[in-house]
Amino acid sequence: MKKDKKVAGDFVEVEQVVKQKEVKKEKKKDKKPGFFKRMGAKAKDIFSELKKVNWPTFAKVVKKTGIVLAVVLVFLVVIFAFDSALLELLKVIAPRSNG
């Protein structure tokens, strides 16, 4: 008989622990907003930060783009010159045999 009471008491304690865990889970769920609400808040933050950005003028963008293209062109010419020079050097060092 004492074992039955002890088992019944243990069962009640287990039920209470399970209920407490369920209550904690429900509280955690209530604290966290939904996916779309979080994404909407983030989008709002992004747009507010983009309004604060100091955007360059069109003239500055064109000027800097021209500079980048000029530097790329200079490197293209330099690399082509080195490649051609090394190719000619290779032809002098190791000529092909015709036969």
PDB file of N, CA and C in Angstrom:
ATOM      1  N   MET A   1       0.810  -1.186   0.000  1.00  0.00           N
ATOM      2  CA  MET A   1       0.000   0.000   0.000  1.00  0.00           C
ATOM      3  C   MET A   1       0.861   1.260   0.000  1.00  0.00           C
ATOM      4  N   LYS A   2       1.945   1.235   0.767  1.00  0.00           N
ATOM      5  CA  LYS A   2       2.833   2.392   0.791  1.00  0.00           C
ATOM      6  C   LYS A   2       3.487   2.593  -0.564  1.00  0.00           C
ATOM      7  N   LYS A   3       3.801   1.493  -1.241  1.00  0.00           N
ATOM      8  CA  LYS A   3       4.411   1.601  -2.567  1.00  0.00           C
ATOM      9  C   LYS A   3       3.438   2.266  -3.535  1.00  0.00           C
ATOM     10  N   ASP A   4       2.153   1.933  -3.452  1.00  0.00           N
ATOM     11  CA  ASP A   4       1.162   2.530  -4.335  1.00  0.00           C
ATOM     12  C   ASP A   4       1.081   4.039  -4.119  1.00  0.00           C
ATOM     13  N   LYS A   5       1.101   4.456  -2.842  1.00  0.00           N
ATOM     14  CA  LYS A   5       1.044   5.888  -2.550  1.00  0.00           C
ATOM     15  C   LYS A   5       2.303   6.587  -3.054  1.00  0.00           C
ATOM     16  N   LYS A   6       3.446   5.916  -2.891  1.00  0.00           N
ATOM     17  CA  LYS A   6       4.693   6.503  -3.342  1.00  0.00           C
ATOM     18  C   LYS A   6       4.706   6.634  -4.864  1.00  0.00           C
ATOM     19  N   VAL A   7       4.241   5.595  -5.552  1.00  0.00           N
ATOM     20  CA  VAL A   7       4.184   5.631  -7.009  1.00  0.00           C
ATOM     21  C   VAL A   7       3.216   6.712  -7.459  1.00  0.00           C
ATOM     22  N   ALA A   8       2.074   6.811  -6.805  1.00  0.00           N
ATOM     23  CA  ALA A   8       1.098   7.829  -7.160  1.00  0.00           C
ATOM     24  C   ALA A   8       1.670   9.226  -6.909  1.00  0.00           C
ATOM     25  N   GLY A   9       2.413   9.389  -5.843  1.00  0.00           N
ATOM     26  CA  GLY A   9       3.047  10.681  -5.535  1.00  0.00           C
ATOM     27  C   GLY A   9       4.100  11.031  -6.570  1.00  0.00           C
ATOM     28  N   ASP A  10       4.885  10.049  -6.976  1.00  0.00           N
ATOM     29  CA  ASP A  10       5.897  10.281  -8.009  1.00  0.00           C
ATOM     30  C   ASP A  10       5.231  10.676  -9.327  1.00  0.00           C
ATOM     31  N   PHE A  11       4.104  10.035  -9.627  1.00  0.00           N
ATOM     32  CA  PHE A  11       3.390  10.333 -10.861  1.00  0.00           C
ATOM     33  C   PHE A  11       2.881  11.773 -10.850  1.00  0.00           C
ATOM     34  N   VAL A  12       2.380  12.225  -9.707  1.00  0.00           N
ATOM     35  CA  VAL A  12       1.889  13.597  -9.585  1.00  0.00           C
ATOM     36  C   VAL A  12       3.046  14.580  -9.759  1.00  0.00           C
ATOM     37  N   GLU A  13       4.205  14.262  -9.190  1.00  0.00           N
ATOM     38  CA  GLU A  13       5.372  15.140  -9.327  1.00  0.00           C
ATOM     39  C   GLU A  13       5.819  15.226 -10.787  1.00  0.00           C
ATOM     40  N   VAL A  14       5.790  14.111 -11.456  1.00  0.00           N
ATOM     41  CA  VAL A  14       6.183  14.087 -12.867  1.00  0.00           C
ATOM     42  C   VAL A  14       5.220  14.933 -13.688  1.00  0.00           C
ATOM     43  N   GLU A  15       3.923  14.819 -13.401  1.00  0.00           N
ATOM     44  CA  GLU A  15       2.930  15.625 -14.113  1.00  0.00           C
ATOM     45  C   GLU A  15       3.170  17.117 -13.886  1.00  0.00           C
ATOM     46  N   GLN A  16       3.515  17.485 -12.664  1.00  0.00           N
ATOM     47  CA  GLN A  16       3.771  18.895 -12.361  1.00  0.00           C
ATOM     48  C   GLN A  16       4.998  19.406 -13.123  1.00  0.00           C
ATOM     49  N   VAL A  17       6.026  18.584 -13.177  1.00  0.00           N
ATOM     50  CA  VAL A  17       7.242  18.981 -13.899  1.00  0.00           C
ATOM     51  C   VAL A  17       6.935  19.153 -15.386  1.00  0.00           C
ATOM     52  N   VAL A  18       6.166  18.229 -15.941  1.00  0.00           N
ATOM     53  CA  VAL A  18       5.803  18.318 -17.358  1.00  0.00           C
ATOM     54  C   VAL A  18       4.987  19.578 -17.604  1.00  0.00           C
ATOM     55  N   LYS A  19       4.046  19.886 -16.732  1.00  0.00           N
ATOM     56  CA  LYS A  19       3.227  21.089 -16.891  1.00  0.00           C
ATOM     57  C   LYS A  19       4.087  22.349 -16.796  1.00  0.00           C
ATOM     58  N   GLN A  20       5.047  22.354 -15.892  1.00  0.00           N
ATOM     59  CA  GLN A  20       5.932  23.513 -15.763  1.00  0.00           C
ATOM     60  C   GLN A  20       6.748  23.722 -17.039  1.00  0.00           C
ATOM     61  N   LYS A  21       7.231  22.626 -17.634  1.00  0.00           N
ATOM     62  CA  LYS A  21       7.993  22.731 -18.869  1.00  0.00           C
ATOM     63  C   LYS A  21       7.122  23.256 -20.002  1.00  0.00           C
ATOM     64  N   GLU A  22       5.861  22.807 -20.062  1.00  0.00           N
ATOM     65  CA  GLU A  22       4.949  23.277 -21.095  1.00  0.00           C
ATOM     66  C   GLU A  22       4.672  24.765 -20.942  1.00  0.00           C
ATOM     67  N   VAL A  23       4.532  25.218 -19.705  1.00  0.00           N
ATOM     68  CA  VAL A  23       4.284  26.638 -19.454  1.00  0.00           C
ATOM     69  C   VAL A  23       5.494  27.457 -19.897  1.00  0.00           C
ATOM     70  N   LYS A  24       6.698  26.960 -19.608  1.00  0.00           N
ATOM     71  CA  LYS A  24       7.909  27.667 -20.020  1.00  0.00           C
ATOM     72  C   LYS A  24       8.000  27.749 -21.540  1.00  0.00           C
ATOM     73  N   LYS A  25       7.659  26.654 -22.234  1.00  0.00           N
ATOM     74  CA  LYS A  25       7.689  26.653 -23.690  1.00  0.00           C
ATOM     75  C   LYS A  25       6.698  27.670 -24.245  1.00  0.00           C
ATOM     76  N   GLU A  26       5.510  27.738 -23.659  1.00  0.00           N
ATOM     77  CA  GLU A  26       4.506  28.681 -24.126  1.00  0.00           C
ATOM     78  C   GLU A  26       4.983  30.120 -23.921  1.00  0.00           C
ATOM     79  N   LYS A  27       5.649  30.376 -22.804  1.00  0.00           N
ATOM     80  CA  LYS A  27       6.164  31.718 -22.556  1.00  0.00           C
ATOM     81  C   LYS A  27       7.235  32.071 -23.576  1.00  0.00           C
ATOM     82  N   LYS A  28       8.103  31.114 -23.896  1.00  0.00           N
ATOM     83  CA  LYS A  28       9.151  31.369 -24.890  1.00  0.00           C
ATOM     84  C   LYS A  28       8.538  31.647 -26.254  1.00  0.00           C
ATOM     85  N   LYS A  29       7.494  30.909 -26.606  1.00  0.00           N
ATOM     86  CA  LYS A  29       6.842  31.117 -27.896  1.00  0.00           C
ATOM     87  C   LYS A  29       6.210  32.506 -27.960  1.00  0.00           C
ATOM     88  N   ASP A  30       5.655  32.950 -26.849  1.00  0.00           N
ATOM     89  CA  ASP A  30       5.007  34.252 -26.816  1.00  0.00           C
ATOM     90  C   ASP A  30       6.022  35.386 -26.959  1.00  0.00           C
ATOM     91  N   LYS A  31       7.239  35.214 -26.487  1.00  0.00           N
ATOM     92  CA  LYS A  31       8.243  36.261 -26.525  1.00  0.00           C
ATOM     93  C   LYS A  31       8.793  36.472 -27.933  1.00  0.00           C
ATOM     94  N   LYS A  32       8.888  35.442 -28.728  1.00  0.00           N
ATOM     95  CA  LYS A  32       9.508  35.530 -30.042  1.00  0.00           C
ATOM     96  C   LYS A  32       8.451  35.884 -31.096  1.00  0.00           C
ATOM     97  N   PRO A  33       8.639  37.018 -31.798  1.00  0.00           N
ATOM     98  CA  PRO A  33       7.655  37.373 -32.834  1.00  0.00           C
ATOM     99  C   PRO A  33       7.764  36.435 -34.030  1.00  0.00           C
ATOM    100  N   GLY A  34       6.760  36.454 -34.876  1.00  0.00           N
ATOM    101  CA  GLY A  34       6.713  35.577 -36.035  1.00  0.00           C
ATOM    102  C   GLY A  34       7.764  35.936 -37.075  1.00  0.00           C
ATOM    103  N   PHE A  35       7.962  35.031 -38.007  1.00  0.00           N
ATOM    104  CA  PHE A  35       8.992  35.181 -39.047  1.00  0.00           C
ATOM    105  C   PHE A  35       8.775  36.456 -39.862  1.00  0.00           C
ATOM    106  N   PHE A  36       7.568  36.669 -40.354  1.00  0.00           N
ATOM    107  CA  PHE A  36       7.306  37.813 -41.215  1.00  0.00           C
ATOM    108  C   PHE A  36       7.414  39.129 -40.446  1.00  0.00           C
ATOM    109  N   LYS A  37       7.063  39.098 -39.194  1.00  0.00           N
ATOM    110  CA  LYS A  37       7.178  40.302 -38.381  1.00  0.00           C
ATOM    111  C   LYS A  37       8.653  40.662 -38.175  1.00  0.00           C
ATOM    112  N   ARG A  38       9.479  39.646 -37.935  1.00  0.00           N
ATOM    113  CA  ARG A  38      10.917  39.893 -37.771  1.00  0.00           C
ATOM    114  C   ARG A  38      11.527  40.404 -39.070  1.00  0.00           C
ATOM    115  N   MET A  39      11.147  39.797 -40.202  1.00  0.00           N
ATOM    116  CA  MET A  39      11.699  40.223 -41.489  1.00  0.00           C
ATOM    117  C   MET A  39      11.233  41.644 -41.827  1.00  0.00           C
ATOM    118  N   GLY A  40      10.003  41.963 -41.494  1.00  0.00           N
ATOM    119  CA  GLY A  40       9.504  43.314 -41.734  1.00  0.00           C
ATOM    120  C   GLY A  40      10.266  44.340 -40.924  1.00  0.00           C
ATOM    121  N   ALA A  41      10.575  44.006 -39.685  1.00  0.00           N
ATOM    122  CA  ALA A  41      11.339  44.918 -38.835  1.00  0.00           C
ATOM    123  C   ALA A  41      12.751  45.102 -39.382  1.00  0.00           C
ATOM    124  N   LYS A  42      13.346  44.020 -39.865  1.00  0.00           N
ATOM    125  CA  LYS A  42      14.691  44.117 -40.428  1.00  0.00           C
ATOM    126  C   LYS A  42      14.685  44.947 -41.705  1.00  0.00           C
ATOM    127  N   ALA A  43      13.672  44.754 -42.532  1.00  0.00           N
ATOM    128  CA  ALA A  43      13.572  45.525 -43.777  1.00  0.00           C
ATOM    129  C   ALA A  43      13.422  47.014 -43.456  1.00  0.00           C
ATOM    130  N   LYS A  44      12.655  47.312 -42.447  1.00  0.00           N
ATOM    131  CA  LYS A  44      12.462  48.696 -42.039  1.00  0.00           C
ATOM    132  C   LYS A  44      13.786  49.301 -41.581  1.00  0.00           C
ATOM    133  N   ASP A  45      14.570  48.543 -40.821  1.00  0.00           N
ATOM    134  CA  ASP A  45      15.883  49.012 -40.377  1.00  0.00           C
ATOM    135  C   ASP A  45      16.821  49.232 -41.562  1.00  0.00           C
ATOM    136  N   ILE A  46      16.777  48.333 -42.514  1.00  0.00           N
ATOM    137  CA  ILE A  46      17.654  48.445 -43.689  1.00  0.00           C
ATOM    138  C   ILE A  46      17.327  49.718 -44.467  1.00  0.00           C
ATOM    139  N   PHE A  47      16.056  49.966 -44.718  1.00  0.00           N
ATOM    140  CA  PHE A  47      15.675  51.149 -45.481  1.00  0.00           C
ATOM    141  C   PHE A  47      16.008  52.432 -44.722  1.00  0.00           C
ATOM    142  N   SER A  48      15.860  52.415 -43.404  1.00  0.00           N
ATOM    143  CA  SER A  48      16.206  53.620 -42.642  1.00  0.00           C
ATOM    144  C   SER A  48      17.708  53.873 -42.691  1.00  0.00           C
ATOM    145  N   GLU A  49      18.532  52.814 -42.710  1.00  0.00           N
ATOM    146  CA  GLU A  49      19.980  52.989 -42.828  1.00  0.00           C
ATOM    147  C   GLU A  49      20.369  53.449 -44.226  1.00  0.00           C
ATOM    148  N   LEU A  50      19.676  52.955 -45.243  1.00  0.00           N
ATOM    149  CA  LEU A  50      19.991  53.364 -46.611  1.00  0.00           C
ATOM    150  C   LEU A  50      19.691  54.848 -46.837  1.00  0.00           C
ATOM    151  N   LYS A  51      18.729  55.385 -46.109  1.00  0.00           N
ATOM    152  CA  LYS A  51      18.430  56.808 -46.233  1.00  0.00           C
ATOM    153  C   LYS A  51      19.559  57.657 -45.665  1.00  0.00           C
ATOM    154  N   LYS A  52      20.319  57.107 -44.724  1.00  0.00           N
ATOM    155  CA  LYS A  52      21.416  57.840 -44.092  1.00  0.00           C
ATOM    156  C   LYS A  52      22.704  57.814 -44.912  1.00  0.00           C
ATOM    157  N   VAL A  53      22.761  56.958 -45.932  1.00  0.00           N
ATOM    158  CA  VAL A  53      23.978  56.810 -46.721  1.00  0.00           C
ATOM    159  C   VAL A  53      24.230  58.063 -47.542  1.00  0.00           C
ATOM    160  N   ASN A  54      25.500  58.486 -47.598  1.00  0.00           N
ATOM    161  CA  ASN A  54      25.890  59.632 -48.409  1.00  0.00           C
ATOM    162  C   ASN A  54      26.238  59.120 -49.799  1.00  0.00           C
ATOM    163  N   TRP A  55      25.276  59.176 -50.724  1.00  0.00           N
ATOM    164  CA  TRP A  55      25.457  58.622 -52.055  1.00  0.00           C
ATOM    165  C   TRP A  55      26.305  59.563 -52.903  1.00  0.00           C
ATOM    166  N   PRO A  56      27.224  58.999 -53.745  1.00  0.00           N
ATOM    167  CA  PRO A  56      28.041  59.863 -54.608  1.00  0.00           C
ATOM    168  C   PRO A  56      27.210  60.409 -55.765  1.00  0.00           C
ATOM    169  N   THR A  57      27.702  61.512 -56.311  1.00  0.00           N
ATOM    170  CA  THR A  57      27.007  62.102 -57.455  1.00  0.00           C
ATOM    171  C   THR A  57      27.327  61.283 -58.706  1.00  0.00           C
ATOM    172  N   PHE A  58      26.539  61.511 -59.746  1.00  0.00           N
ATOM    173  CA  PHE A  58      26.744  60.785 -61.004  1.00  0.00           C
ATOM    174  C   PHE A  58      28.116  61.099 -61.587  1.00  0.00           C
ATOM    175  N   ALA A  59      28.554  62.344 -61.481  1.00  0.00           N
ATOM    176  CA  ALA A  59      29.851  62.742 -62.027  1.00  0.00           C
ATOM    177  C   ALA A  59      30.994  61.988 -61.329  1.00  0.00           C
ATOM    178  N   LYS A  60      30.894  61.841 -60.008  1.00  0.00           N
ATOM    179  CA  LYS A  60      31.930  61.103 -59.276  1.00  0.00           C
ATOM    180  C   LYS A  60      31.952  59.635 -59.689  1.00  0.00           C
ATOM    181  N   VAL A  61      30.790  59.060 -59.880  1.00  0.00           N
ATOM    182  CA  VAL A  61      30.717  57.653 -60.280  1.00  0.00           C
ATOM    183  C   VAL A  61      31.355  57.462 -61.653  1.00  0.00           C
ATOM    184  N   VAL A  62      31.049  58.345 -62.584  1.00  0.00           N
ATOM    185  CA  VAL A  62      31.611  58.257 -63.935  1.00  0.00           C
ATOM    186  C   VAL A  62      33.126  58.429 -63.879  1.00  0.00           C
ATOM    187  N   LYS A  63      33.601  59.381 -63.093  1.00  0.00           N
ATOM    188  CA  LYS A  63      35.044  59.638 -62.978  1.00  0.00           C
ATOM    189  C   LYS A  63      35.775  58.421 -62.413  1.00  0.00           C
ATOM    190  N   LYS A  64      35.257  57.861 -61.348  1.00  0.00           N
ATOM    191  CA  LYS A  64      35.920  56.707 -60.723  1.00  0.00           C
ATOM    192  C   LYS A  64      35.849  55.464 -61.609  1.00  0.00           C
ATOM    193  N   THR A  65      34.763  55.321 -62.355  1.00  0.00           N
ATOM    194  CA  THR A  65      34.663  54.208 -63.295  1.00  0.00           C
ATOM    195  C   THR A  65      35.704  54.350 -64.398  1.00  0.00           C
ATOM    196  N   GLY A  66      35.903  55.564 -64.873  1.00  0.00           N
ATOM    197  CA  GLY A  66      36.923  55.824 -65.879  1.00  0.00           C
ATOM    198  C   GLY A  66      38.317  55.508 -65.367  1.00  0.00           C
ATOM    199  N   ILE A  67      38.585  55.846 -64.113  1.00  0.00           N
ATOM    200  CA  ILE A  67      39.887  55.548 -63.514  1.00  0.00           C
ATOM    201  C   ILE A  67      40.111  54.041 -63.449  1.00  0.00           C
ATOM    202  N   VAL A  68      39.090  53.314 -63.020  1.00  0.00           N
ATOM    203  CA  VAL A  68      39.215  51.857 -62.928  1.00  0.00           C
ATOM    204  C   VAL A  68      39.476  51.254 -64.302  1.00  0.00           C
ATOM    205  N   LEU A  69      38.746  51.686 -65.303  1.00  0.00           N
ATOM    206  CA  LEU A  69      38.946  51.165 -66.661  1.00  0.00           C
ATOM    207  C   LEU A  69      40.344  51.499 -67.184  1.00  0.00           C
ATOM    208  N   ALA A  70      40.851  52.704 -66.885  1.00  0.00           N
ATOM    209  CA  ALA A  70      42.195  53.085 -67.320  1.00  0.00           C
ATOM    210  C   ALA A  70      43.256  52.198 -66.664  1.00  0.00           C
ATOM    211  N   VAL A  71      43.117  51.930 -65.376  1.00  0.00           N
ATOM    212  CA  VAL A  71      44.082  51.081 -64.672  1.00  0.00           C
ATOM    213  C   VAL A  71      44.041  49.661 -65.234  1.00  0.00           C
ATOM    214  N   VAL A  72      42.869  49.147 -65.508  1.00  0.00           N
ATOM    215  CA  VAL A  72      42.744  47.805 -66.081  1.00  0.00           C
ATOM    216  C   VAL A  72      43.405  47.776 -67.457  1.00  0.00           C
ATOM    217  N   LEU A  73      43.206  48.813 -68.259  1.00  0.00           N
ATOM    218  CA  LEU A  73      43.814  48.879 -69.582  1.00  0.00           C
ATOM    219  C   LEU A  73      45.343  48.917 -69.494  1.00  0.00           C
ATOM    220  N   VAL A  74      45.879  49.693 -68.551  1.00  0.00           N
ATOM    221  CA  VAL A  74      47.335  49.759 -68.365  1.00  0.00           C
ATOM    222  C   VAL A  74      47.876  48.385 -67.997  1.00  0.00           C
ATOM    223  N   PHE A  75      47.255  47.704 -67.066  1.00  0.00           N
ATOM    224  CA  PHE A  75      47.718  46.366 -66.691  1.00  0.00           C
ATOM    225  C   PHE A  75      47.590  45.386 -67.853  1.00  0.00           C
ATOM    226  N   LEU A  76      46.563  45.527 -68.674  1.00  0.00           N
ATOM    227  CA  LEU A  76      46.397  44.677 -69.850  1.00  0.00           C
ATOM    228  C   LEU A  76      47.577  44.841 -70.796  1.00  0.00           C
ATOM    229  N   VAL A  77      47.959  46.084 -71.033  1.00  0.00           N
ATOM    230  CA  VAL A  77      49.083  46.350 -71.932  1.00  0.00           C
ATOM    231  C   VAL A  77      50.382  45.812 -71.341  1.00  0.00           C
ATOM    232  N   VAL A  78      50.619  46.025 -70.065  1.00  0.00           N
ATOM    233  CA  VAL A  78      51.850  45.558 -69.421  1.00  0.00           C
ATOM    234  C   VAL A  78      51.937  44.037 -69.458  1.00  0.00           C
ATOM    235  N   ILE A  79      50.876  43.365 -69.131  1.00  0.00           N
ATOM    236  CA  ILE A  79      50.893  41.894 -69.129  1.00  0.00           C
ATOM    237  C   ILE A  79      51.056  41.367 -70.555  1.00  0.00           C
ATOM    238  N   PHE A  80      50.395  42.001 -71.524  1.00  0.00           N
ATOM    239  CA  PHE A  80      50.559  41.580 -72.924  1.00  0.00           C
ATOM    240  C   PHE A  80      52.006  41.761 -73.375  1.00  0.00           C
ATOM    241  N   ALA A  81      52.640  42.866 -72.977  1.00  0.00           N
ATOM    242  CA  ALA A  81      54.037  43.117 -73.357  1.00  0.00           C
ATOM    243  C   ALA A  81      54.957  42.057 -72.746  1.00  0.00           C
ATOM    244  N   PHE A  82      54.770  41.747 -71.452  1.00  0.00           N
ATOM    245  CA  PHE A  82      55.587  40.703 -70.815  1.00  0.00           C
ATOM    246  C   PHE A  82      55.366  39.354 -71.486  1.00  0.00           C
ATOM    247  N   ASP A  83      54.137  39.043 -71.808  1.00  0.00           N
ATOM    248  CA  ASP A  83      53.825  37.768 -72.446  1.00  0.00           C
ATOM    249  C   ASP A  83      54.499  37.665 -73.817  1.00  0.00           C
ATOM    250  N   SER A  84      54.421  38.743 -74.587  1.00  0.00           N
ATOM    251  CA  SER A  84      55.046  38.745 -75.912  1.00  0.00           C
ATOM    252  C   SER A  84      56.571  38.630 -75.808  1.00  0.00           C
ATOM    253  N   ALA A  85      57.148  39.358 -74.856  1.00  0.00           N
ATOM    254  CA  ALA A  85      58.601  39.306 -74.676  1.00  0.00           C
ATOM    255  C   ALA A  85      59.049  37.914 -74.265  1.00  0.00           C
ATOM    256  N   LEU A  86      58.340  37.291 -73.347  1.00  0.00           N
ATOM    257  CA  LEU A  86      58.702  35.942 -72.900  1.00  0.00           C
ATOM    258  C   LEU A  86      58.509  34.925 -74.018  1.00  0.00           C
ATOM    259  N   LEU A  87      57.509  35.114 -74.865  1.00  0.00           N
ATOM    260  CA  LEU A  87      57.293  34.214 -75.995  1.00  0.00           C
ATOM    261  C   LEU A  87      58.453  34.315 -76.996  1.00  0.00           C
ATOM    262  N   GLU A  88      58.882  35.546 -77.274  1.00  0.00           N
ATOM    263  CA  GLU A  88      60.025  35.731 -78.180  1.00  0.00           C
ATOM    264  C   GLU A  88      61.298  35.146 -77.575  1.00  0.00           C
ATOM    265  N   LEU A  89      61.488  35.301 -76.274  1.00  0.00           N
ATOM    266  CA  LEU A  89      62.652  34.730 -75.601  1.00  0.00           C
ATOM    267  C   LEU A  89      62.614  33.211 -75.676  1.00  0.00           C
ATOM    268  N   LEU A  90      61.463  32.623 -75.532  1.00  0.00           N
ATOM    269  CA  LEU A  90      61.323  31.173 -75.625  1.00  0.00           C
ATOM    270  C   LEU A  90      61.650  30.686 -77.039  1.00  0.00           C
ATOM    271  N   LYS A  91      61.227  31.456 -78.033  1.00  0.00           N
ATOM    272  CA  LYS A  91      61.545  31.073 -79.417  1.00  0.00           C
ATOM    273  C   LYS A  91      63.054  31.111 -79.673  1.00  0.00           C
ATOM    274  N   VAL A  92      63.749  32.052 -79.067  1.00  0.00           N
ATOM    275  CA  VAL A  92      65.196  32.158 -79.237  1.00  0.00           C
ATOM    276  C   VAL A  92      65.906  31.031 -78.493  1.00  0.00           C
ATOM    277  N   ILE A  93      65.471  30.732 -77.283  1.00  0.00           N
ATOM    278  CA  ILE A  93      66.137  29.716 -76.450  1.00  0.00           C
ATOM    279  C   ILE A  93      65.880  28.314 -76.979  1.00  0.00           C
ATOM    280  N   ALA A  94      64.653  27.995 -77.322  1.00  0.00           N
ATOM    281  CA  ALA A  94      64.301  26.635 -77.735  1.00  0.00           C
ATOM    282  C   ALA A  94      63.584  26.673 -79.066  1.00  0.00           C
ATOM    283  N   PRO A  95      64.341  26.782 -80.170  1.00  0.00           N
ATOM    284  CA  PRO A  95      63.665  26.787 -81.477  1.00  0.00           C
ATOM    285  C   PRO A  95      63.121  25.408 -81.808  1.00  0.00           C
ATOM    286  N   ARG A  96      62.043  25.363 -82.552  1.00  0.00           N
ATOM    287  CA  ARG A  96      61.441  24.092 -82.936  1.00  0.00           C
ATOM    288  C   ARG A  96      62.268  23.445 -84.056  1.00  0.00           C
ATOM    289  N   SER A  97      62.356  22.162 -83.945  1.00  0.00           N
ATOM    290  CA  SER A  97      63.045  21.456 -85.037  1.00  0.00           C
ATOM    291  C   SER A  97      62.024  21.008 -86.062  1.00  0.00           C
ATOM    292  N   ASN A  98      62.358  21.042 -87.335  1.00  0.00           N
ATOM    293  CA  ASN A  98      61.418  20.708 -88.413  1.00  0.00           C
ATOM    294  C   ASN A  98      61.482  19.253 -88.819  1.00  0.00           C
ATOM    295  N   GLY A  99      61.968  18.460 -88.041  1.00  0.00           N
ATOM    296  CA  GLY A  99      61.972  17.183 -88.593  1.00  0.00           C
ATOM    297  C   GLY A  99      62.238  16.007 -87.842  1.00  0.00           C
TER     298      GLY A  99
END
